[in-house]
Protein backbone atom coordinates (compact mmCIF):
# COMPACT_ATOMS: atom_id res chain seq x y z
CA MET A 1 36.61 24.13 11.41
CA SER A 2 37.05 27.39 9.48
CA ASN A 3 34.86 28.35 6.56
CA LYS A 4 36.12 27.24 3.17
CA LYS A 5 35.84 28.95 -0.17
CA TYR A 6 35.18 26.84 -3.25
CA SER A 7 36.01 28.12 -6.71
CA LEU A 8 34.25 27.11 -9.90
CA MET A 9 35.11 23.50 -10.63
CA LEU A 10 35.27 23.85 -14.39
CA HIS A 11 37.93 22.75 -16.84
CA LYS A 12 38.66 26.32 -17.84
CA ALA A 13 38.78 28.74 -14.93
CA SER A 14 37.05 32.09 -15.29
CA ILE A 15 35.48 34.81 -13.18
CA ALA A 16 32.50 33.50 -11.21
CA ALA A 17 28.99 34.86 -11.62
CA GLY A 18 28.66 35.25 -7.86
CA VAL A 19 28.97 33.48 -4.52
CA ILE A 20 26.49 31.63 -2.30
CA GLU A 21 26.85 30.88 1.38
CA VAL A 22 26.38 27.35 2.66
CA HIS A 23 24.70 27.17 6.07
CA ALA A 24 24.90 24.39 8.62
CA PRO A 25 21.27 23.34 9.10
CA PHE A 26 21.71 22.79 12.85
CA ASP A 27 22.63 26.36 13.87
CA ARG A 28 22.43 28.17 10.49
CA SER A 29 26.09 29.23 10.77
CA VAL A 30 27.97 29.87 7.52
CA ILE A 31 30.34 26.98 6.82
CA ALA A 32 31.41 27.67 3.24
CA GLU A 33 31.24 30.04 0.30
CA VAL A 34 30.82 28.58 -3.18
CA GLU A 35 31.22 30.37 -6.50
CA THR A 36 28.29 30.23 -8.91
CA ALA A 37 28.13 29.73 -12.67
CA SER A 38 26.51 31.91 -15.32
CA ALA A 39 24.84 30.80 -18.54
CA ASP A 40 28.17 31.39 -20.31
CA HIS A 41 29.93 29.07 -17.86
CA ILE A 42 27.31 26.41 -18.53
CA ASP A 43 27.72 26.74 -22.27
CA GLN A 44 31.50 26.52 -22.03
CA ALA A 45 31.29 23.43 -19.80
CA MET A 46 28.91 21.80 -22.27
CA ILE A 47 31.14 22.64 -25.26
CA ILE A 48 34.05 20.93 -23.51
CA ALA A 49 32.06 17.88 -22.43
CA TYR A 50 30.37 17.40 -25.79
CA SER A 51 33.60 17.75 -27.72
CA LEU A 52 35.09 14.98 -25.57
CA TYR A 53 32.19 12.69 -26.36
CA ARG A 54 32.33 13.40 -30.09
CA ASP A 55 36.09 12.75 -30.34
CA LYS A 56 36.33 8.99 -29.75
CA SER A 57 40.12 9.11 -29.86
CA ARG A 58 39.97 10.91 -26.49
CA TRP A 59 37.71 8.44 -24.73
CA ILE A 60 39.21 7.05 -21.54
CA PRO A 61 40.00 3.35 -22.01
CA LEU A 62 38.45 0.82 -19.66
CA HIS A 63 41.65 -0.03 -17.81
CA LYS A 64 42.32 3.66 -17.15
CA ARG A 65 38.81 4.22 -15.79
CA ILE A 66 39.32 1.29 -13.42
CA GLU A 67 42.67 2.74 -12.31
CA ILE A 68 41.12 6.16 -11.63
CA LEU A 69 38.27 4.65 -9.63
CA GLU A 70 40.68 2.49 -7.61
CA LYS A 71 42.71 5.58 -6.71
CA THR A 72 39.49 7.44 -5.88
CA ALA A 73 38.44 4.73 -3.42
CA HIS A 74 41.92 4.77 -1.86
CA ILE A 75 41.92 8.55 -1.35
CA MET A 76 38.42 8.44 0.14
CA SER A 77 39.43 5.63 2.49
CA GLN A 78 42.31 7.74 3.78
CA ASP A 79 39.99 10.70 4.40
CA GLN A 80 36.82 9.07 5.78
CA GLU A 81 36.61 11.04 9.02
CA ARG A 82 36.79 14.46 7.34
CA LEU A 83 34.33 13.48 4.63
CA ALA A 84 31.86 12.25 7.27
CA ILE A 85 32.14 15.38 9.42
CA GLU A 86 31.68 17.70 6.45
CA ALA A 87 28.68 15.70 5.22
CA ALA A 88 27.15 15.86 8.72
CA ARG A 89 27.77 19.60 9.01
CA GLU A 90 26.29 20.56 5.67
CA GLY A 91 23.43 18.03 5.48
CA GLY A 92 22.43 17.53 9.11
CA LYS A 93 22.58 13.73 9.04
CA PRO A 94 24.07 12.60 12.38
CA LEU A 95 27.75 11.71 12.36
CA ILE A 96 27.04 8.07 13.18
CA ASP A 97 24.96 7.80 9.99
CA SER A 98 27.23 10.07 7.92
CA LYS A 99 30.11 7.68 8.64
CA VAL A 100 27.96 4.89 7.23
CA GLU A 101 27.23 7.06 4.19
CA VAL A 102 30.95 7.59 3.52
CA ALA A 103 31.61 3.86 3.87
CA ARG A 104 28.77 3.17 1.44
CA ALA A 105 30.17 5.74 -0.99
CA ILE A 106 33.55 3.99 -0.96
CA ASP A 107 31.83 0.64 -1.46
CA GLY A 108 29.97 2.27 -4.34
CA ILE A 109 33.26 3.09 -6.05
CA HIS A 110 34.31 -0.54 -5.67
CA LEU A 111 30.94 -1.58 -7.07
CA CYS A 112 31.60 0.58 -10.14
CA ILE A 113 34.90 -1.23 -10.60
CA GLU A 114 33.33 -4.66 -10.14
CA THR A 115 30.63 -3.76 -12.64
CA LEU A 116 33.20 -2.69 -15.21
CA LYS A 117 35.20 -5.87 -14.74
CA SER A 118 32.13 -7.99 -15.43
CA ASP A 119 30.59 -5.60 -17.93
CA GLN A 120 30.32 -7.27 -21.29
CA GLY A 121 28.35 -7.37 -24.46
CA GLU A 122 26.53 -10.40 -25.74
CA VAL A 123 26.32 -12.71 -28.69
CA ILE A 124 23.05 -12.35 -30.59
CA PRO A 125 21.75 -15.65 -32.02
CA MET A 126 22.08 -15.88 -35.78
CA GLY A 127 21.67 -18.69 -38.31
CA MET A 128 18.24 -19.79 -37.15
CA SER A 129 16.67 -18.65 -40.40
CA LEU A 130 17.77 -18.52 -43.99
CA SER A 131 18.00 -14.72 -43.87
CA SER A 132 20.40 -14.77 -40.91
CA GLU A 133 22.71 -17.60 -41.92
CA LYS A 134 26.46 -17.06 -42.29
CA ARG A 135 26.36 -14.21 -39.82
CA ILE A 136 27.70 -13.50 -36.31
CA ALA A 137 26.35 -10.64 -34.20
CA ILE A 138 27.91 -9.21 -31.05
CA THR A 139 27.36 -6.14 -28.89
CA GLN A 140 29.82 -3.95 -27.03
CA LYS A 141 29.33 -1.09 -24.56
CA GLU A 142 29.75 2.55 -25.48
CA PRO A 143 29.03 5.70 -23.44
CA ILE A 144 25.65 7.25 -24.20
CA GLY A 145 26.92 10.83 -24.26
CA VAL A 146 27.26 13.80 -21.92
CA VAL A 147 25.66 13.09 -18.53
CA VAL A 148 24.06 15.95 -16.63
CA ALA A 149 23.42 14.99 -13.01
CA VAL A 150 21.23 17.01 -10.67
CA SER A 151 21.35 15.75 -7.11
CA ALA A 152 19.54 16.08 -3.76
CA PHE A 153 20.68 17.27 -0.34
CA ASN A 154 19.82 14.29 1.86
CA HIS A 155 22.77 12.02 1.01
CA PRO A 156 25.27 14.62 -0.20
CA LEU A 157 28.13 12.21 -0.91
CA ASN A 158 26.60 8.83 -1.70
CA LEU A 159 24.05 10.16 -4.19
CA ILE A 160 26.85 11.94 -6.04
CA VAL A 161 28.75 8.65 -6.23
CA HIS A 162 25.65 6.96 -7.67
CA GLN A 163 25.39 9.60 -10.38
CA VAL A 164 28.93 10.84 -11.04
CA ALA A 165 31.08 7.77 -10.37
CA ALA A 166 28.64 5.74 -12.48
CA ALA A 167 29.09 8.23 -15.33
CA VAL A 168 32.88 8.04 -15.05
CA ALA A 169 32.67 4.25 -15.02
CA ALA A 170 30.45 4.28 -18.12
CA GLY A 171 32.97 6.51 -19.91
CA CYS A 172 30.72 9.56 -20.11
CA PRO A 173 31.77 13.18 -19.63
CA VAL A 174 29.68 14.47 -16.72
CA ILE A 175 28.52 17.85 -15.45
CA VAL A 176 27.05 17.70 -11.97
CA LYS A 177 24.85 20.18 -10.11
CA PRO A 178 24.63 19.37 -6.39
CA ALA A 179 21.91 20.75 -4.15
CA GLU A 180 22.66 24.34 -3.16
CA ASP A 181 22.13 23.42 0.50
CA THR A 182 24.81 20.71 0.38
CA PRO A 183 27.43 21.31 -2.34
CA ILE A 184 30.54 20.64 -0.24
CA SER A 185 30.54 16.84 -0.38
CA CYS A 186 30.04 16.91 -4.14
CA LEU A 187 32.85 19.39 -4.70
CA ASN A 188 35.11 17.34 -2.43
CA PHE A 189 34.32 14.24 -4.47
CA VAL A 190 35.00 15.92 -7.82
CA ASN A 191 38.31 17.14 -6.45
CA ILE A 192 39.15 13.59 -5.34
CA LEU A 193 38.40 12.30 -8.85
CA TRP A 194 40.78 14.91 -10.25
CA GLN A 195 43.44 13.91 -7.70
CA ALA A 196 42.95 10.30 -8.77
CA GLY A 197 43.87 11.16 -12.33
CA LEU A 198 40.55 11.96 -14.01
CA PRO A 199 41.20 14.83 -16.46
CA THR A 200 39.27 17.88 -15.24
CA GLU A 201 37.26 18.18 -18.46
CA TRP A 202 35.66 14.76 -17.84
CA CYS A 203 33.90 15.87 -14.64
CA GLN A 204 32.83 19.45 -13.99
CA ALA A 205 30.68 20.73 -11.12
CA VAL A 206 28.47 23.80 -11.22
CA ILE A 207 26.21 25.78 -8.91
CA PRO A 208 24.11 27.80 -11.36
CA GLU A 209 23.45 31.39 -10.36
CA SER A 210 19.70 31.02 -11.01
CA ILE A 211 16.95 28.52 -11.77
CA ALA A 212 16.95 29.70 -15.37
CA VAL A 213 20.65 28.89 -15.73
CA ALA A 214 20.13 25.47 -14.12
CA GLU A 215 17.32 24.78 -16.59
CA LYS A 216 19.62 25.79 -19.46
CA LEU A 217 22.06 23.10 -18.35
CA VAL A 218 19.42 20.38 -18.21
CA THR A 219 17.62 21.23 -21.44
CA ASP A 220 20.70 21.63 -23.63
CA ALA A 221 20.39 19.56 -26.81
CA ARG A 222 23.93 18.21 -26.32
CA VAL A 223 22.91 16.26 -23.20
CA GLY A 224 22.91 12.50 -23.71
CA PHE A 225 21.56 11.40 -20.34
CA PHE A 226 19.86 13.33 -17.55
CA SER A 227 20.08 11.94 -14.01
CA PHE A 228 17.81 13.61 -11.46
CA ILE A 229 17.30 12.98 -7.74
CA GLY A 230 14.87 15.32 -6.01
CA SER A 231 11.25 16.39 -5.82
CA ALA A 232 8.67 14.94 -8.19
CA LYS A 233 7.38 18.38 -9.09
CA VAL A 234 10.76 19.54 -10.33
CA GLY A 235 11.79 16.22 -11.86
CA TRP A 236 8.72 15.72 -14.02
CA MET A 237 8.79 19.39 -15.07
CA LEU A 238 12.41 19.12 -16.22
CA ARG A 239 11.72 15.85 -18.04
CA SER A 240 9.01 17.60 -20.06
CA LYS A 241 11.62 20.13 -21.24
CA LEU A 242 14.38 17.73 -22.25
CA ALA A 243 15.61 17.94 -25.82
CA PRO A 244 14.35 15.20 -28.17
CA GLY A 245 16.32 11.98 -27.80
CA VAL A 246 17.68 12.67 -24.32
CA ARG A 247 17.37 9.65 -22.03
CA CYS A 248 16.75 10.19 -18.33
CA ALA A 249 16.34 8.64 -14.91
CA LEU A 250 14.24 10.30 -12.21
CA GLU A 251 14.33 9.38 -8.53
CA HIS A 252 11.68 11.10 -6.44
CA GLY A 253 9.99 10.18 -3.18
CA GLY A 254 6.91 8.49 -1.84
CA ALA A 255 4.85 7.97 1.30
CA ALA A 256 6.09 4.51 2.17
CA PRO A 257 3.44 2.10 3.52
CA VAL A 258 4.00 -0.67 6.08
CA ILE A 259 1.61 -3.48 7.03
CA VAL A 260 1.98 -4.76 10.61
CA ALA A 261 0.04 -8.00 10.94
CA GLU A 262 -1.45 -9.25 14.22
CA ASP A 263 1.25 -11.93 14.53
CA ALA A 264 4.20 -9.54 13.98
CA ASP A 265 7.21 -9.58 16.28
CA LEU A 266 6.60 -6.11 17.72
CA ASP A 267 10.00 -5.68 19.34
CA LEU A 268 11.65 -6.29 15.98
CA ALA A 269 9.06 -4.19 14.17
CA ILE A 270 9.42 -1.14 16.43
CA ALA A 271 13.22 -1.15 16.26
CA LYS A 272 13.06 -1.27 12.47
CA LEU A 273 10.17 1.16 12.01
CA GLY A 274 11.60 3.68 14.44
CA LYS A 275 14.91 3.73 12.60
CA GLY A 276 13.20 3.81 9.19
CA GLY A 277 10.86 6.62 10.23
CA PHE A 278 13.20 8.94 12.13
CA TYR A 279 16.54 8.24 10.40
CA HIS A 280 17.95 11.53 9.10
CA ALA A 281 14.88 13.26 10.59
CA GLY A 282 12.71 11.47 8.04
CA GLN A 283 14.46 13.15 5.10
CA VAL A 284 14.71 9.96 3.06
CA CYS A 285 12.74 9.21 -0.10
CA VAL A 286 11.64 5.79 1.21
CA SER A 287 11.27 6.78 4.87
CA VAL A 288 8.60 4.92 6.87
CA GLN A 289 5.55 7.20 6.77
CA ARG A 290 2.29 5.22 6.88
CA ILE A 291 2.01 2.23 9.21
CA PHE A 292 -1.15 0.11 8.95
CA ALA A 293 -1.37 -1.94 12.15
CA HIS A 294 -3.93 -4.66 12.84
CA THR A 295 -6.43 -3.62 15.51
CA LYS A 296 -5.12 -6.32 17.87
CA VAL A 297 -1.66 -4.73 17.93
CA PHE A 298 -2.52 -1.12 17.06
CA ASP A 299 -2.34 0.23 20.63
CA SER A 300 0.93 -1.58 21.28
CA VAL A 301 2.47 -0.29 18.06
CA VAL A 302 1.51 3.30 18.89
CA GLU A 303 2.74 3.01 22.49
CA LYS A 304 6.05 1.33 21.66
CA LEU A 305 6.78 3.58 18.69
CA SER A 306 6.04 6.65 20.83
CA THR A 307 8.48 5.40 23.46
CA TYR A 308 11.10 4.87 20.76
CA ALA A 309 10.50 8.41 19.45
CA GLN A 310 10.78 9.94 22.90
CA GLN A 311 14.13 8.26 23.51
CA GLN A 312 15.83 9.67 20.41
CA ARG A 313 18.64 12.13 21.09
CA ILE A 314 18.06 15.13 18.84
CA GLY A 315 20.67 17.80 18.25
CA ASP A 316 24.02 18.71 16.74
CA PRO A 317 24.69 16.21 13.93
CA THR A 318 28.47 16.42 14.36
CA LEU A 319 28.30 14.94 17.88
CA ALA A 320 28.79 11.19 18.22
CA GLU A 321 25.80 10.76 20.55
CA THR A 322 23.23 12.47 18.29
CA GLU A 323 20.69 10.11 16.75
CA VAL A 324 18.42 12.59 14.93
CA GLY A 325 19.62 15.83 13.42
CA PRO A 326 17.91 18.95 12.05
CA LEU A 327 15.71 19.57 9.04
CA ILE A 328 17.67 21.00 6.14
CA ARG A 329 16.24 24.51 6.51
CA PRO A 330 13.77 26.47 8.71
CA ALA A 331 11.08 26.54 6.02
CA GLU A 332 10.91 22.74 6.07
CA LEU A 333 10.33 22.69 9.82
CA GLN A 334 7.59 25.28 9.46
CA ARG A 335 5.92 23.21 6.73
CA ILE A 336 6.05 20.01 8.77
CA ASP A 337 4.72 21.74 11.88
CA ALA A 338 1.82 23.14 9.83
CA TRP A 339 1.02 19.68 8.47
CA VAL A 340 1.02 18.15 11.96
CA SER A 341 -1.25 20.93 13.24
CA GLU A 342 -3.59 20.38 10.31
CA ALA A 343 -3.69 16.62 10.97
CA LYS A 344 -4.58 17.22 14.63
CA SER A 345 -7.33 19.64 13.67
CA GLU A 346 -8.70 16.97 11.32
CA GLY A 347 -8.90 14.30 14.00
CA ALA A 348 -5.44 12.79 14.41
CA GLU A 349 -4.10 12.14 17.89
CA CYS A 350 -0.54 13.30 18.47
CA ASN A 351 0.86 10.58 20.72
CA ILE A 352 4.34 12.05 21.05
CA GLY A 353 6.19 15.02 19.64
CA GLY A 354 4.57 17.60 17.44
CA ASN A 355 6.73 20.51 18.57
CA ALA A 356 9.69 22.47 17.28
CA ILE A 357 12.83 22.26 19.40
CA SER A 358 14.71 24.97 17.54
CA GLU A 359 14.65 26.77 14.23
CA THR A 360 15.43 23.50 12.43
CA CYS A 361 15.11 20.65 14.95
CA TYR A 362 11.71 18.98 15.36
CA GLU A 363 10.55 16.37 17.83
CA CYS A 364 10.15 12.81 16.58
CA THR A 365 6.40 12.62 16.16
CA VAL A 366 3.82 9.82 16.11
CA LEU A 367 0.31 10.53 14.85
CA SER A 368 -2.43 7.94 15.21
CA LYS A 369 -5.47 7.66 12.94
CA PRO A 370 -5.04 10.83 10.89
CA SER A 371 -7.68 11.51 8.29
CA SER A 372 -7.05 9.84 4.95
CA ASN A 373 -7.38 13.32 3.43
CA SER A 374 -4.77 15.03 5.63
CA LYS A 375 -1.50 16.04 3.99
CA VAL A 376 0.38 13.67 6.29
CA SER A 377 -1.65 10.84 4.74
CA THR A 378 -1.49 11.89 1.11
CA THR A 379 1.87 13.59 0.54
CA GLU A 380 5.47 12.79 1.35
CA ILE A 381 6.23 14.32 4.75
CA PHE A 382 10.04 14.28 4.46
CA GLY A 383 10.30 14.90 8.16
CA PRO A 384 10.39 13.01 11.49
CA VAL A 385 6.67 12.20 11.49
CA VAL A 386 5.15 8.71 11.33
CA CYS A 387 1.41 8.00 10.97
CA VAL A 388 -0.26 4.85 12.36
CA TYR A 389 -3.65 3.60 11.13
CA ASP A 390 -5.64 0.58 12.32
CA PHE A 391 -7.21 -2.17 10.22
CA GLU A 392 -9.14 -5.42 10.61
CA ASP A 393 -9.32 -6.42 6.94
CA ILE A 394 -5.85 -6.55 5.36
CA ASP A 395 -7.26 -6.03 1.87
CA LYS A 396 -8.84 -2.75 2.95
CA ALA A 397 -5.51 -1.70 4.42
CA LEU A 398 -3.85 -2.54 1.10
CA LEU A 399 -6.43 -0.47 -0.76
CA GLN A 400 -5.59 2.50 1.44
CA ALA A 401 -1.87 1.86 1.08
CA ASN A 402 -2.24 1.82 -2.71
CA ALA A 403 -4.50 4.87 -2.92
CA LEU A 404 -1.73 7.42 -3.56
CA PRO A 405 -0.07 8.29 -6.87
CA PHE A 406 3.31 7.26 -5.45
CA SER A 407 4.93 3.85 -5.35
CA PHE A 408 8.41 3.04 -4.17
CA GLN A 409 9.43 0.69 -1.37
CA ALA A 410 7.03 -0.92 1.12
CA ALA A 411 7.22 -3.37 4.03
CA VAL A 412 5.28 -6.04 5.90
CA PHE A 413 5.86 -7.43 9.38
CA THR A 414 4.49 -10.91 9.98
CA ARG A 415 5.53 -14.43 10.99
CA ASN A 416 3.12 -15.95 8.45
CA ILE A 417 4.54 -16.65 5.00
CA ASP A 418 1.08 -16.56 3.41
CA THR A 419 0.42 -13.09 4.84
CA ALA A 420 3.82 -11.95 3.60
CA MET A 421 3.16 -13.29 0.10
CA HIS A 422 -0.32 -11.75 0.03
CA VAL A 423 1.07 -8.30 0.82
CA TYR A 424 3.98 -8.77 -1.60
CA LYS A 425 1.52 -9.60 -4.39
CA HIS A 426 -1.05 -6.89 -3.75
CA ILE A 427 0.83 -3.84 -2.47
CA ASP A 428 2.01 -1.23 -4.98
CA ALA A 429 5.78 -1.13 -4.70
CA SER A 430 8.96 -1.78 -6.64
CA ALA A 431 10.40 -3.57 -3.59
CA VAL A 432 8.79 -5.09 -0.49
CA MET A 433 10.76 -5.65 2.71
CA LEU A 434 9.72 -8.56 4.92
CA ASN A 435 10.34 -7.81 8.60
CA ASP A 436 12.49 -4.80 7.75
CA HIS A 437 11.86 -1.09 7.25
CA THR A 438 11.08 0.56 3.94
CA ALA A 439 14.35 2.51 3.83
CA PHE A 440 16.54 -0.57 3.54
CA ARG A 441 18.92 -0.32 0.61
CA ILE A 442 22.25 -1.59 -0.58
CA ASP A 443 23.86 0.23 -3.46
CA GLY A 444 23.93 -2.68 -5.88
CA MET A 445 20.24 -3.52 -5.71
CA PRO A 446 17.63 -2.09 -8.10
CA PHE A 447 16.02 1.04 -6.64
CA ALA A 448 13.04 2.28 -8.61
CA GLY A 449 10.24 4.73 -8.02
CA LEU A 450 7.01 3.84 -9.81
CA LYS A 451 3.96 5.97 -10.69
CA GLN A 452 4.93 9.56 -9.78
CA SER A 453 7.85 8.37 -7.64
CA GLY A 454 10.29 8.12 -10.51
CA LEU A 455 11.38 6.79 -13.86
CA GLY A 456 13.98 4.15 -14.57
CA VAL A 457 15.98 2.01 -12.17
CA GLY A 458 18.66 3.26 -9.79
CA GLY A 459 21.43 1.28 -8.16
CA ILE A 460 25.00 1.59 -9.41
CA PRO A 461 25.09 -1.35 -11.88
CA TYR A 462 21.72 -0.31 -13.33
CA THR A 463 22.78 3.33 -13.62
CA ILE A 464 25.97 2.38 -15.45
CA GLU A 465 23.84 0.27 -17.80
CA ASP A 466 21.54 3.27 -18.43
CA MET A 467 24.53 5.47 -19.25
CA GLN A 468 25.79 3.09 -21.92
CA VAL A 469 24.68 1.95 -25.36
CA ASN A 470 24.77 -1.67 -26.51
CA LYS A 471 26.31 -1.19 -29.93
CA MET A 472 25.87 -4.18 -32.22
CA LEU A 473 28.15 -5.48 -34.95
CA VAL A 474 26.74 -7.96 -37.48
CA MET A 475 29.43 -9.81 -39.46
CA HIS A 476 28.62 -11.62 -42.68
CA SER A 477 30.99 -14.12 -44.25
CA PRO A 478 30.39 -16.94 -46.74
CA ASN A 479 32.87 -19.00 -44.72
CA LEU A 480 30.73 -19.02 -41.57
């Protein structure tokens, strides 16, 4: 597959600020060149988007949005194989999983359509007091304004659908900035939207030439809603710089905890935990990271999980047989290797893995009993490393699980409903999986980081709701 060149995807074409190279994370080969945007490009894109929002005569009617999304899903369905291969090449997620991502992205478009078809306002009760008699009140949906979406590398197509397709469904003009490591899937998707009939001014994509230019995009006072998926450090910093009145949703990561009770079905647990821990080389915001196993099953969990890790086929993500691909860039491998070395020096036992295979591929690694102060215990690893701790008292395990300033999805493996309910009640999480891994998700369910893990609720129907305003009309008539 030859290298492609991507021009600025703006409504009004102009000379680019520069060009960046996109590297395949597996072998660091150049797979694309993408033009970058200057501060002037950003300002022009925002002028266009904001003028669309302010001129309500130009808003895209509901039936037309549905038509565009239906055509988008059709085009994507006809091109699934190419979309999956390009996502695997640029992001490093194995082809088998990238195909699932493309299928999910198409389902996400259909979910946007279903949401629109059932999207409705409400009737507000009136007449229950003297002051409200002879009145009827209803609400209808309106777009909140210009959406600026900043996305992450790890699901380069599906995350864009969650942010951009939701904005299109909500009727908002949108400007999207994909991750510089993985812009191809985003640019492909924007192009598909244009092919499907979305006027180019309603969705523009930019790769800013610098961090300062990217920040200019996010902090512009004309932004109505800011959607961010990425690191907590960057997300919370950008939120602090938003213009007054700008709404936002932040999706960060965590250090997902799992409780494995003494009565757990270990064969089921290991299959789930192995997938949840090593899927996409651990580069998932709710990846299994901290497993608290009862002392009676601790040794078995470590042994079986280590066997699972050893059996994973690591390599080129575009090959059908690959199960675990590379880290997104060499610096991430170096960081993970340093954290594993630190954990070992602080008392952890490395049961399997712990070594680099190449510049970006790292062995699936199992650490047992790392110090509670080690980075692998306190910070999101975002790599193919799973930590296993032992416990006798489940409440002490829950205290340790809850000790971090992150809270996202969690899990418990047990055959006992009372144990399951105890963990569900006491563990810090927005969602608890019973006998499943922490990375389980379907695109219509609420998906929310708590504490430092995020702000607001993700999931396509919830995102569309966030990007709309419930506008109320109160009607007064003496004949009511």
